[in-house]
Amino acid sequence: MPRRAPPGQGGWKQVVSVSLTTLSPKQREIREREELILSVAREMLLERGYYGLTMDRIADESDCPKGTMYQRFGCKEDIVLALARQSLEKRFLMMERAASFQGTTRERAVALGEAVALFARLYPGDSRIMHTATGPIREKASQERVAAVAEMEKQSFTMLRDLLRDAVLKGELVLQYQASIEEMAFGIWALVDG
């Protein structure tokens, strides 16, 4: 799971947290089962939509006992949020690459916006999943899943905010109308992500 780097080590940059080689055979089996459940659910969600996605159908198509499935995912909303988190991580990696472009802050901001737009064109299914995972779905999902998605969203927003802050510090961006960097970042994010 990506997480923020400690202070002084780049803010939003990724830190590797768990190596697959450190997993026991049982842990690997659990992870593989979870990946199978998510793979089946992803296909089902994209083909049949949110209302066509049921725990029974996922269990049947993944050949996974319902009890095992419910140990990892309390409800279908947990599955949707787990899928959204995967999609957000994929988009974050594209954004991170764009933000690290060696250019002016304006060029880096354009690269960041283009990365988000390119992600939507290259991965329309992921974009649909991310947008499906908003609103009332979060009310039904577990706190843990909601927090994981919120953290990925926060990291993406923080990347944009930090880029704008850098532009202000370098004098390449002047805030007007007493707007804060956070307000500007939120406005841009709403336009780009919406």
N, C-alpha and C. Protein backbone atom coordinates (compact mmCIF):
# COMPACT_ATOMS: atom_id res chain seq x y z
N MET A 1 0.84 -1.17 0.00
CA MET A 1 0.00 0.00 0.00
C MET A 1 0.88 1.24 0.00
N PRO A 2 0.69 2.16 -0.93
CA PRO A 2 1.49 3.36 -0.93
C PRO A 2 1.18 4.20 0.29
N ARG A 3 2.18 4.88 0.78
CA ARG A 3 1.96 5.79 1.90
C ARG A 3 2.89 6.98 1.74
N ARG A 4 2.56 8.04 2.46
CA ARG A 4 3.37 9.25 2.36
C ARG A 4 4.75 9.00 2.94
N ALA A 5 5.73 9.64 2.33
CA ALA A 5 7.10 9.55 2.82
C ALA A 5 7.22 10.37 4.10
N PRO A 6 8.17 10.01 4.97
CA PRO A 6 8.39 10.80 6.18
C PRO A 6 8.77 12.23 5.84
N PRO A 7 8.50 13.18 6.76
CA PRO A 7 8.84 14.58 6.49
C PRO A 7 10.29 14.72 6.05
N GLY A 8 10.49 15.62 5.10
CA GLY A 8 11.85 15.87 4.62
C GLY A 8 12.27 14.92 3.51
N GLN A 9 11.38 13.97 3.13
CA GLN A 9 11.74 13.01 2.09
C GLN A 9 10.82 13.11 0.89
N GLY A 10 10.33 14.29 0.58
CA GLY A 10 9.60 14.47 -0.66
C GLY A 10 8.09 14.55 -0.55
N GLY A 11 7.52 14.61 0.63
CA GLY A 11 6.08 14.83 0.79
C GLY A 11 5.22 13.71 0.26
N TRP A 12 4.83 13.79 -1.02
CA TRP A 12 3.87 12.84 -1.57
C TRP A 12 4.51 11.65 -2.24
N LYS A 13 5.82 11.57 -2.25
CA LYS A 13 6.47 10.46 -2.93
C LYS A 13 6.17 9.13 -2.25
N GLN A 14 6.19 8.08 -3.04
CA GLN A 14 5.85 6.75 -2.56
C GLN A 14 6.98 6.13 -1.75
N VAL A 15 6.58 5.30 -0.79
CA VAL A 15 7.51 4.51 -0.01
C VAL A 15 7.05 3.07 -0.13
N VAL A 16 7.94 2.16 -0.49
CA VAL A 16 7.57 0.76 -0.60
C VAL A 16 7.36 0.20 0.80
N SER A 17 6.21 -0.49 1.01
CA SER A 17 5.88 -0.91 2.36
C SER A 17 6.00 -2.40 2.60
N VAL A 18 5.60 -3.25 1.67
CA VAL A 18 5.61 -4.68 1.91
C VAL A 18 6.17 -5.39 0.69
N SER A 19 7.08 -6.29 0.91
CA SER A 19 7.64 -7.07 -0.17
C SER A 19 6.87 -8.38 -0.27
N LEU A 20 6.53 -8.78 -1.47
CA LEU A 20 5.81 -10.03 -1.66
C LEU A 20 6.63 -11.23 -1.21
N THR A 21 7.94 -11.11 -1.23
CA THR A 21 8.78 -12.24 -0.83
C THR A 21 8.72 -12.48 0.67
N THR A 22 8.22 -11.52 1.45
CA THR A 22 8.14 -11.71 2.90
C THR A 22 6.83 -12.36 3.31
N LEU A 23 5.93 -12.63 2.36
CA LEU A 23 4.66 -13.26 2.69
C LEU A 23 4.83 -14.76 2.84
N SER A 24 4.12 -15.31 3.81
CA SER A 24 4.10 -16.76 3.98
C SER A 24 3.25 -17.37 2.88
N PRO A 25 3.35 -18.68 2.67
CA PRO A 25 2.50 -19.31 1.65
C PRO A 25 1.01 -19.06 1.90
N LYS A 26 0.58 -19.09 3.14
CA LYS A 26 -0.83 -18.85 3.46
C LYS A 26 -1.22 -17.41 3.13
N GLN A 27 -0.33 -16.46 3.46
CA GLN A 27 -0.60 -15.05 3.14
C GLN A 27 -0.68 -14.84 1.63
N ARG A 28 0.20 -15.52 0.88
CA ARG A 28 0.16 -15.42 -0.57
C ARG A 28 -1.15 -15.99 -1.12
N GLU A 29 -1.58 -17.10 -0.54
CA GLU A 29 -2.85 -17.71 -0.98
C GLU A 29 -4.02 -16.76 -0.72
N ILE A 30 -4.02 -16.12 0.44
CA ILE A 30 -5.07 -15.15 0.77
C ILE A 30 -5.05 -13.99 -0.21
N ARG A 31 -3.86 -13.48 -0.49
CA ARG A 31 -3.74 -12.36 -1.43
C ARG A 31 -4.19 -12.76 -2.83
N GLU A 32 -3.81 -13.94 -3.28
CA GLU A 32 -4.22 -14.41 -4.59
C GLU A 32 -5.74 -14.57 -4.66
N ARG A 33 -6.35 -15.07 -3.58
CA ARG A 33 -7.81 -15.23 -3.54
C ARG A 33 -8.48 -13.86 -3.64
N GLU A 34 -7.92 -12.90 -2.90
CA GLU A 34 -8.47 -11.53 -2.94
C GLU A 34 -8.34 -10.94 -4.34
N GLU A 35 -7.21 -11.17 -4.99
CA GLU A 35 -7.02 -10.66 -6.35
C GLU A 35 -8.00 -11.30 -7.33
N LEU A 36 -8.29 -12.59 -7.15
CA LEU A 36 -9.27 -13.26 -8.00
C LEU A 36 -10.66 -12.67 -7.79
N ILE A 37 -11.04 -12.47 -6.53
CA ILE A 37 -12.34 -11.88 -6.22
C ILE A 37 -12.45 -10.50 -6.87
N LEU A 38 -11.40 -9.68 -6.74
CA LEU A 38 -11.43 -8.34 -7.31
C LEU A 38 -11.46 -8.37 -8.84
N SER A 39 -10.75 -9.31 -9.42
CA SER A 39 -10.74 -9.42 -10.88
C SER A 39 -12.13 -9.77 -11.41
N VAL A 40 -12.78 -10.73 -10.77
CA VAL A 40 -14.13 -11.13 -11.17
C VAL A 40 -15.10 -9.96 -10.95
N ALA A 41 -14.98 -9.32 -9.80
CA ALA A 41 -15.87 -8.20 -9.48
C ALA A 41 -15.68 -7.04 -10.44
N ARG A 42 -14.45 -6.77 -10.81
CA ARG A 42 -14.17 -5.67 -11.75
C ARG A 42 -14.88 -5.91 -13.08
N GLU A 43 -14.71 -7.11 -13.62
CA GLU A 43 -15.34 -7.44 -14.89
C GLU A 43 -16.86 -7.35 -14.77
N MET A 44 -17.38 -7.86 -13.68
CA MET A 44 -18.83 -7.84 -13.47
C MET A 44 -19.34 -6.40 -13.33
N LEU A 45 -18.63 -5.58 -12.58
CA LEU A 45 -19.04 -4.20 -12.38
C LEU A 45 -19.05 -3.44 -13.70
N LEU A 46 -18.03 -3.65 -14.51
CA LEU A 46 -17.95 -2.94 -15.79
C LEU A 46 -18.96 -3.46 -16.81
N GLU A 47 -19.29 -4.73 -16.73
CA GLU A 47 -20.27 -5.29 -17.68
C GLU A 47 -21.71 -5.06 -17.25
N ARG A 48 -21.98 -5.24 -15.95
CA ARG A 48 -23.37 -5.23 -15.46
C ARG A 48 -23.73 -3.99 -14.64
N GLY A 49 -22.74 -3.20 -14.28
CA GLY A 49 -22.99 -2.01 -13.47
C GLY A 49 -23.09 -2.34 -11.99
N TYR A 50 -23.24 -1.31 -11.21
CA TYR A 50 -23.28 -1.45 -9.74
C TYR A 50 -24.40 -2.38 -9.28
N TYR A 51 -25.59 -2.22 -9.86
CA TYR A 51 -26.72 -3.02 -9.42
C TYR A 51 -26.65 -4.46 -9.90
N GLY A 52 -25.85 -4.73 -10.91
CA GLY A 52 -25.64 -6.09 -11.37
C GLY A 52 -24.55 -6.82 -10.61
N LEU A 53 -23.88 -6.11 -9.74
CA LEU A 53 -22.80 -6.68 -8.92
C LEU A 53 -23.39 -7.16 -7.60
N THR A 54 -23.31 -8.46 -7.34
CA THR A 54 -23.79 -8.99 -6.07
C THR A 54 -22.73 -9.91 -5.47
N MET A 55 -22.77 -10.05 -4.18
CA MET A 55 -21.82 -10.93 -3.50
C MET A 55 -22.04 -12.38 -3.95
N ASP A 56 -23.28 -12.78 -4.14
CA ASP A 56 -23.57 -14.15 -4.60
C ASP A 56 -22.96 -14.41 -5.97
N ARG A 57 -23.14 -13.48 -6.89
CA ARG A 57 -22.59 -13.65 -8.25
C ARG A 57 -21.07 -13.69 -8.22
N ILE A 58 -20.47 -12.81 -7.42
CA ILE A 58 -19.01 -12.79 -7.32
C ILE A 58 -18.51 -14.12 -6.77
N ALA A 59 -19.16 -14.62 -5.71
CA ALA A 59 -18.76 -15.90 -5.10
C ALA A 59 -18.88 -17.03 -6.12
N ASP A 60 -19.98 -17.04 -6.88
CA ASP A 60 -20.18 -18.09 -7.87
C ASP A 60 -19.13 -18.04 -8.97
N GLU A 61 -18.93 -16.86 -9.53
CA GLU A 61 -18.01 -16.73 -10.67
C GLU A 61 -16.54 -16.84 -10.28
N SER A 62 -16.21 -16.56 -9.04
CA SER A 62 -14.82 -16.69 -8.60
C SER A 62 -14.56 -18.04 -7.94
N ASP A 63 -15.62 -18.84 -7.82
CA ASP A 63 -15.53 -20.15 -7.17
C ASP A 63 -14.94 -20.02 -5.76
N CYS A 64 -15.40 -18.99 -5.08
CA CYS A 64 -14.91 -18.69 -3.74
C CYS A 64 -16.07 -18.87 -2.75
N PRO A 65 -15.85 -19.62 -1.68
CA PRO A 65 -16.92 -19.75 -0.68
C PRO A 65 -17.31 -18.37 -0.14
N LYS A 66 -18.62 -18.18 0.06
CA LYS A 66 -19.10 -16.88 0.53
C LYS A 66 -18.46 -16.49 1.86
N GLY A 67 -18.29 -17.44 2.73
CA GLY A 67 -17.68 -17.15 4.03
C GLY A 67 -16.28 -16.57 3.89
N THR A 68 -15.50 -17.14 3.00
CA THR A 68 -14.15 -16.65 2.74
C THR A 68 -14.21 -15.23 2.18
N MET A 69 -15.16 -15.01 1.26
CA MET A 69 -15.29 -13.70 0.66
C MET A 69 -15.68 -12.65 1.71
N TYR A 70 -16.62 -13.01 2.57
CA TYR A 70 -17.08 -12.07 3.59
C TYR A 70 -16.01 -11.79 4.65
N GLN A 71 -15.02 -12.67 4.77
CA GLN A 71 -13.92 -12.38 5.70
C GLN A 71 -13.11 -11.18 5.23
N ARG A 72 -12.96 -11.03 3.93
CA ARG A 72 -12.17 -9.92 3.37
C ARG A 72 -13.02 -8.71 3.02
N PHE A 73 -14.25 -8.96 2.57
CA PHE A 73 -15.12 -7.88 2.11
C PHE A 73 -16.48 -8.04 2.78
N GLY A 74 -16.85 -7.08 3.61
CA GLY A 74 -18.11 -7.17 4.34
C GLY A 74 -19.34 -6.97 3.48
N CYS A 75 -19.16 -6.33 2.32
CA CYS A 75 -20.29 -6.04 1.44
C CYS A 75 -19.73 -5.69 0.07
N LYS A 76 -20.63 -5.58 -0.90
CA LYS A 76 -20.17 -5.28 -2.26
C LYS A 76 -19.56 -3.88 -2.34
N GLU A 77 -19.99 -2.98 -1.46
CA GLU A 77 -19.41 -1.64 -1.45
C GLU A 77 -17.93 -1.68 -1.08
N ASP A 78 -17.55 -2.60 -0.19
CA ASP A 78 -16.13 -2.78 0.14
C ASP A 78 -15.35 -3.21 -1.10
N ILE A 79 -15.95 -4.06 -1.90
CA ILE A 79 -15.29 -4.52 -3.13
C ILE A 79 -15.14 -3.36 -4.12
N VAL A 80 -16.19 -2.58 -4.27
CA VAL A 80 -16.13 -1.43 -5.18
C VAL A 80 -15.03 -0.47 -4.73
N LEU A 81 -14.92 -0.22 -3.43
CA LEU A 81 -13.89 0.68 -2.95
C LEU A 81 -12.48 0.08 -3.09
N ALA A 82 -12.36 -1.22 -2.93
CA ALA A 82 -11.05 -1.86 -3.16
C ALA A 82 -10.65 -1.71 -4.62
N LEU A 83 -11.60 -1.86 -5.52
CA LEU A 83 -11.33 -1.66 -6.95
C LEU A 83 -10.97 -0.20 -7.24
N ALA A 84 -11.69 0.71 -6.60
CA ALA A 84 -11.41 2.14 -6.79
C ALA A 84 -10.01 2.49 -6.30
N ARG A 85 -9.62 1.89 -5.21
CA ARG A 85 -8.28 2.15 -4.68
C ARG A 85 -7.21 1.69 -5.67
N GLN A 86 -7.42 0.53 -6.28
CA GLN A 86 -6.48 0.05 -7.29
C GLN A 86 -6.40 1.04 -8.46
N SER A 87 -7.54 1.53 -8.88
CA SER A 87 -7.59 2.49 -9.99
C SER A 87 -6.90 3.79 -9.62
N LEU A 88 -7.16 4.26 -8.40
CA LEU A 88 -6.53 5.50 -7.94
C LEU A 88 -5.02 5.35 -7.85
N GLU A 89 -4.55 4.19 -7.43
CA GLU A 89 -3.10 3.95 -7.37
C GLU A 89 -2.49 4.00 -8.76
N LYS A 90 -3.18 3.41 -9.73
CA LYS A 90 -2.70 3.41 -11.12
C LYS A 90 -2.62 4.85 -11.64
N ARG A 91 -3.66 5.63 -11.37
CA ARG A 91 -3.66 7.02 -11.83
C ARG A 91 -2.58 7.82 -11.10
N PHE A 92 -2.41 7.57 -9.81
CA PHE A 92 -1.40 8.29 -9.03
C PHE A 92 -0.01 8.09 -9.62
N LEU A 93 0.30 6.88 -10.05
CA LEU A 93 1.61 6.62 -10.63
C LEU A 93 1.82 7.43 -11.90
N MET A 94 0.78 7.57 -12.70
CA MET A 94 0.89 8.42 -13.90
C MET A 94 1.07 9.88 -13.51
N MET A 95 0.33 10.32 -12.51
CA MET A 95 0.45 11.70 -12.04
C MET A 95 1.84 11.97 -11.47
N GLU A 96 2.34 11.01 -10.72
CA GLU A 96 3.65 11.17 -10.10
C GLU A 96 4.74 11.33 -11.17
N ARG A 97 4.63 10.54 -12.21
CA ARG A 97 5.60 10.63 -13.30
C ARG A 97 5.53 12.00 -13.97
N ALA A 98 4.31 12.48 -14.18
CA ALA A 98 4.13 13.80 -14.81
C ALA A 98 4.65 14.91 -13.92
N ALA A 99 4.37 14.83 -12.64
CA ALA A 99 4.78 15.88 -11.70
C ALA A 99 6.30 15.94 -11.55
N SER A 100 6.98 14.84 -11.84
CA SER A 100 8.44 14.84 -11.71
C SER A 100 9.13 15.33 -12.98
N PHE A 101 8.34 15.72 -14.00
CA PHE A 101 8.88 16.27 -15.23
C PHE A 101 9.79 17.44 -14.90
N GLN A 102 10.93 17.52 -15.55
CA GLN A 102 11.88 18.60 -15.30
C GLN A 102 11.54 19.78 -16.19
N GLY A 103 10.80 20.70 -15.64
CA GLY A 103 10.42 21.89 -16.38
C GLY A 103 9.92 22.94 -15.41
N THR A 104 9.35 24.00 -15.93
CA THR A 104 8.79 25.04 -15.07
C THR A 104 7.57 24.47 -14.36
N THR A 105 7.11 25.18 -13.35
CA THR A 105 5.93 24.71 -12.64
C THR A 105 4.72 24.70 -13.57
N ARG A 106 4.66 25.65 -14.49
CA ARG A 106 3.55 25.68 -15.47
C ARG A 106 3.59 24.42 -16.34
N GLU A 107 4.76 24.07 -16.82
CA GLU A 107 4.90 22.86 -17.65
C GLU A 107 4.56 21.61 -16.84
N ARG A 108 5.00 21.59 -15.60
CA ARG A 108 4.69 20.43 -14.74
C ARG A 108 3.19 20.35 -14.45
N ALA A 109 2.53 21.50 -14.28
CA ALA A 109 1.08 21.51 -14.05
C ALA A 109 0.34 21.01 -15.28
N VAL A 110 0.79 21.43 -16.45
CA VAL A 110 0.17 20.94 -17.69
C VAL A 110 0.38 19.44 -17.81
N ALA A 111 1.58 18.98 -17.51
CA ALA A 111 1.89 17.55 -17.57
C ALA A 111 0.99 16.77 -16.61
N LEU A 112 0.77 17.32 -15.43
CA LEU A 112 -0.09 16.67 -14.45
C LEU A 112 -1.52 16.57 -14.96
N GLY A 113 -2.04 17.65 -15.52
CA GLY A 113 -3.39 17.63 -16.09
C GLY A 113 -3.49 16.66 -17.25
N GLU A 114 -2.48 16.63 -18.10
CA GLU A 114 -2.47 15.71 -19.23
C GLU A 114 -2.41 14.26 -18.76
N ALA A 115 -1.69 14.01 -17.68
CA ALA A 115 -1.62 12.64 -17.14
C ALA A 115 -3.00 12.17 -16.69
N VAL A 116 -3.75 13.04 -16.04
CA VAL A 116 -5.11 12.69 -15.59
C VAL A 116 -6.01 12.46 -16.81
N ALA A 117 -5.91 13.32 -17.81
CA ALA A 117 -6.72 13.16 -19.02
C ALA A 117 -6.34 11.89 -19.79
N LEU A 118 -5.04 11.64 -19.88
CA LEU A 118 -4.56 10.45 -20.56
C LEU A 118 -5.02 9.18 -19.83
N PHE A 119 -4.98 9.22 -18.52
CA PHE A 119 -5.46 8.08 -17.74
C PHE A 119 -6.92 7.79 -18.08
N ALA A 120 -7.74 8.81 -18.15
CA ALA A 120 -9.16 8.62 -18.46
C ALA A 120 -9.36 8.02 -19.84
N ARG A 121 -8.51 8.42 -20.80
CA ARG A 121 -8.62 7.87 -22.16
C ARG A 121 -8.10 6.44 -22.24
N LEU A 122 -6.98 6.17 -21.57
CA LEU A 122 -6.37 4.84 -21.64
C LEU A 122 -7.10 3.81 -20.79
N TYR A 123 -7.67 4.26 -19.68
CA TYR A 123 -8.29 3.35 -18.73
C TYR A 123 -9.71 3.80 -18.39
N PRO A 124 -10.62 3.78 -19.37
CA PRO A 124 -11.98 4.25 -19.10
C PRO A 124 -12.69 3.41 -18.04
N GLY A 125 -12.38 2.13 -17.97
CA GLY A 125 -12.99 1.28 -16.93
C GLY A 125 -12.57 1.73 -15.54
N ASP A 126 -11.30 2.04 -15.38
CA ASP A 126 -10.82 2.52 -14.08
C ASP A 126 -11.49 3.84 -13.72
N SER A 127 -11.65 4.71 -14.70
CA SER A 127 -12.31 5.99 -14.44
C SER A 127 -13.75 5.76 -14.00
N ARG A 128 -14.44 4.86 -14.67
CA ARG A 128 -15.82 4.54 -14.27
C ARG A 128 -15.87 3.99 -12.85
N ILE A 129 -14.95 3.12 -12.52
CA ILE A 129 -14.92 2.54 -11.17
C ILE A 129 -14.69 3.62 -10.13
N MET A 130 -13.75 4.53 -10.39
CA MET A 130 -13.46 5.60 -9.43
C MET A 130 -14.69 6.47 -9.21
N HIS A 131 -15.43 6.76 -10.26
CA HIS A 131 -16.62 7.60 -10.11
C HIS A 131 -17.79 6.83 -9.50
N THR A 132 -17.82 5.53 -9.72
CA THR A 132 -18.85 4.71 -9.08
C THR A 132 -18.65 4.70 -7.57
N ALA A 133 -17.40 4.78 -7.15
CA ALA A 133 -17.06 4.66 -5.73
C ALA A 133 -17.23 5.96 -4.95
N THR A 134 -18.06 6.85 -5.44
CA THR A 134 -18.30 8.09 -4.71
C THR A 134 -19.72 8.08 -4.15
N GLY A 135 -20.00 9.02 -3.30
CA GLY A 135 -21.35 9.19 -2.79
C GLY A 135 -21.82 8.12 -1.83
N PRO A 136 -23.07 7.69 -1.98
CA PRO A 136 -23.70 6.79 -1.01
C PRO A 136 -22.99 5.46 -0.82
N ILE A 137 -22.22 5.03 -1.80
CA ILE A 137 -21.49 3.76 -1.65
C ILE A 137 -20.58 3.82 -0.44
N ARG A 138 -20.00 4.97 -0.20
CA ARG A 138 -19.08 5.10 0.94
C ARG A 138 -19.80 5.01 2.28
N GLU A 139 -21.08 5.30 2.28
CA GLU A 139 -21.85 5.20 3.53
C GLU A 139 -22.03 3.75 3.96
N LYS A 140 -22.02 2.84 3.01
CA LYS A 140 -22.26 1.42 3.31
C LYS A 140 -20.96 0.65 3.53
N ALA A 141 -19.86 1.16 3.02
CA ALA A 141 -18.58 0.45 3.09
C ALA A 141 -17.94 0.58 4.47
N SER A 142 -16.97 -0.27 4.71
CA SER A 142 -16.26 -0.24 6.00
C SER A 142 -15.40 1.02 6.11
N GLN A 143 -15.19 1.45 7.32
CA GLN A 143 -14.35 2.64 7.58
C GLN A 143 -12.95 2.45 6.99
N GLU A 144 -12.44 1.24 7.09
CA GLU A 144 -11.09 0.94 6.60
C GLU A 144 -10.99 1.17 5.09
N ARG A 145 -11.97 0.68 4.35
CA ARG A 145 -11.96 0.84 2.89
C ARG A 145 -12.15 2.31 2.50
N VAL A 146 -13.05 2.99 3.19
CA VAL A 146 -13.29 4.40 2.91
C VAL A 146 -12.01 5.20 3.16
N ALA A 147 -11.34 4.90 4.28
CA ALA A 147 -10.11 5.61 4.63
C ALA A 147 -9.00 5.36 3.60
N ALA A 148 -8.91 4.13 3.10
CA ALA A 148 -7.87 3.81 2.12
C ALA A 148 -8.08 4.58 0.82
N VAL A 149 -9.33 4.68 0.37
CA VAL A 149 -9.63 5.44 -0.85
C VAL A 149 -9.40 6.93 -0.61
N ALA A 150 -9.85 7.41 0.54
CA ALA A 150 -9.67 8.83 0.87
C ALA A 150 -8.19 9.19 0.92
N GLU A 151 -7.36 8.30 1.42
CA GLU A 151 -5.92 8.57 1.49
C GLU A 151 -5.31 8.68 0.10
N MET A 152 -5.72 7.80 -0.82
CA MET A 152 -5.21 7.89 -2.20
C MET A 152 -5.68 9.18 -2.86
N GLU A 153 -6.92 9.57 -2.63
CA GLU A 153 -7.43 10.83 -3.18
C GLU A 153 -6.66 12.01 -2.60
N LYS A 154 -6.38 11.94 -1.32
CA LYS A 154 -5.64 13.01 -0.65
C LYS A 154 -4.23 13.14 -1.23
N GLN A 155 -3.58 12.01 -1.48
CA GLN A 155 -2.23 12.05 -2.05
C GLN A 155 -2.22 12.72 -3.42
N SER A 156 -3.23 12.42 -4.23
CA SER A 156 -3.31 13.05 -5.55
C SER A 156 -3.53 14.55 -5.43
N PHE A 157 -4.45 14.95 -4.56
CA PHE A 157 -4.72 16.37 -4.35
C PHE A 157 -3.48 17.07 -3.79
N THR A 158 -2.79 16.42 -2.86
CA THR A 158 -1.60 17.00 -2.26
C THR A 158 -0.51 17.23 -3.30
N MET A 159 -0.41 16.34 -4.25
CA MET A 159 0.58 16.51 -5.32
C MET A 159 0.31 17.81 -6.08
N LEU A 160 -0.94 18.05 -6.44
CA LEU A 160 -1.31 19.27 -7.14
C LEU A 160 -1.07 20.49 -6.25
N ARG A 161 -1.51 20.42 -5.01
CA ARG A 161 -1.34 21.55 -4.10
C ARG A 161 0.14 21.89 -3.92
N ASP A 162 0.98 20.88 -3.76
CA ASP A 162 2.41 21.13 -3.60
C ASP A 162 3.02 21.76 -4.84
N LEU A 163 2.54 21.36 -6.01
CA LEU A 163 3.02 21.95 -7.25
C LEU A 163 2.64 23.43 -7.32
N LEU A 164 1.41 23.76 -6.94
CA LEU A 164 0.98 25.16 -6.91
C LEU A 164 1.76 25.96 -5.88
N ARG A 165 2.00 25.37 -4.74
CA ARG A 165 2.79 26.05 -3.70
C ARG A 165 4.19 26.36 -4.22
N ASP A 166 4.77 25.40 -4.94
CA ASP A 166 6.10 25.60 -5.52
C ASP A 166 6.07 26.75 -6.53
N ALA A 167 5.00 26.82 -7.30
CA ALA A 167 4.87 27.89 -8.30
C ALA A 167 4.77 29.26 -7.62
N VAL A 168 4.04 29.35 -6.52
CA VAL A 168 3.92 30.61 -5.79
C VAL A 168 5.27 30.99 -5.21
N LEU A 169 5.97 30.03 -4.61
CA LEU A 169 7.28 30.32 -4.01
C LEU A 169 8.29 30.79 -5.05
N LYS A 170 8.21 30.28 -6.27
CA LYS A 170 9.14 30.66 -7.33
C LYS A 170 8.69 31.93 -8.05
N GLY A 171 7.54 32.45 -7.69
CA GLY A 171 7.02 33.66 -8.33
C GLY A 171 6.41 33.40 -9.70
N GLU A 172 6.18 32.15 -10.03
CA GLU A 172 5.60 31.79 -11.33
C GLU A 172 4.07 31.78 -11.30
N LEU A 173 3.52 31.94 -10.11
CA LEU A 173 2.07 32.00 -9.95
C LEU A 173 1.76 33.03 -8.88
N VAL A 174 0.87 33.93 -9.17
CA VAL A 174 0.46 34.95 -8.22
C VAL A 174 -1.00 34.70 -7.87
N LEU A 175 -1.26 34.51 -6.59
CA LEU A 175 -2.63 34.30 -6.15
C LEU A 175 -3.37 35.63 -6.15
N GLN A 176 -4.59 35.62 -6.67
CA GLN A 176 -5.39 36.84 -6.71
C GLN A 176 -6.67 36.63 -5.92
N TYR A 177 -7.33 37.74 -5.65
CA TYR A 177 -8.62 37.74 -4.96
C TYR A 177 -8.55 37.05 -3.60
N GLN A 178 -7.41 37.13 -2.98
CA GLN A 178 -7.17 36.56 -1.65
C GLN A 178 -7.46 35.07 -1.59
N ALA A 179 -7.28 34.41 -2.70
CA ALA A 179 -7.49 32.96 -2.74
C ALA A 179 -6.31 32.25 -2.08
N SER A 180 -6.58 31.13 -1.46
CA SER A 180 -5.51 30.33 -0.88
C SER A 180 -5.06 29.28 -1.91
N ILE A 181 -3.91 28.71 -1.67
CA ILE A 181 -3.41 27.66 -2.55
C ILE A 181 -4.37 26.48 -2.53
N GLU A 182 -4.90 26.16 -1.36
CA GLU A 182 -5.84 25.04 -1.25
C GLU A 182 -7.11 25.28 -2.07
N GLU A 183 -7.62 26.52 -2.03
CA GLU A 183 -8.81 26.84 -2.82
C GLU A 183 -8.54 26.71 -4.31
N MET A 184 -7.39 27.21 -4.73
CA MET A 184 -7.03 27.11 -6.14
C MET A 184 -6.86 25.65 -6.54
N ALA A 185 -6.17 24.89 -5.71
CA ALA A 185 -5.97 23.47 -6.00
C ALA A 185 -7.30 22.74 -6.08
N PHE A 186 -8.20 23.06 -5.17
CA PHE A 186 -9.51 22.40 -5.17
C PHE A 186 -10.27 22.74 -6.45
N GLY A 187 -10.24 23.99 -6.86
CA GLY A 187 -10.93 24.40 -8.10
C GLY A 187 -10.37 23.70 -9.32
N ILE A 188 -9.06 23.63 -9.40
CA ILE A 188 -8.42 22.95 -10.54
C ILE A 188 -8.75 21.46 -10.50
N TRP A 189 -8.65 20.88 -9.31
CA TRP A 189 -8.92 19.44 -9.17
C TRP A 189 -10.36 19.12 -9.56
N ALA A 190 -11.29 19.98 -9.18
CA ALA A 190 -12.70 19.76 -9.53
C ALA A 190 -12.89 19.79 -11.04
N LEU A 191 -12.18 20.68 -11.72
CA LEU A 191 -12.29 20.76 -13.17
C LEU A 191 -11.65 19.55 -13.84
N VAL A 192 -10.48 19.16 -13.37
CA VAL A 192 -9.73 18.07 -14.00
C VAL A 192 -10.36 16.72 -13.69
N ASP A 193 -10.70 16.48 -12.43
CA ASP A 193 -11.19 15.17 -12.04
C ASP A 193 -12.67 15.02 -12.32
N GLY A 194 -13.40 16.12 -12.39
CA GLY A 194 -14.83 16.05 -12.62
C GLY A 194 -15.14 15.71 -14.03
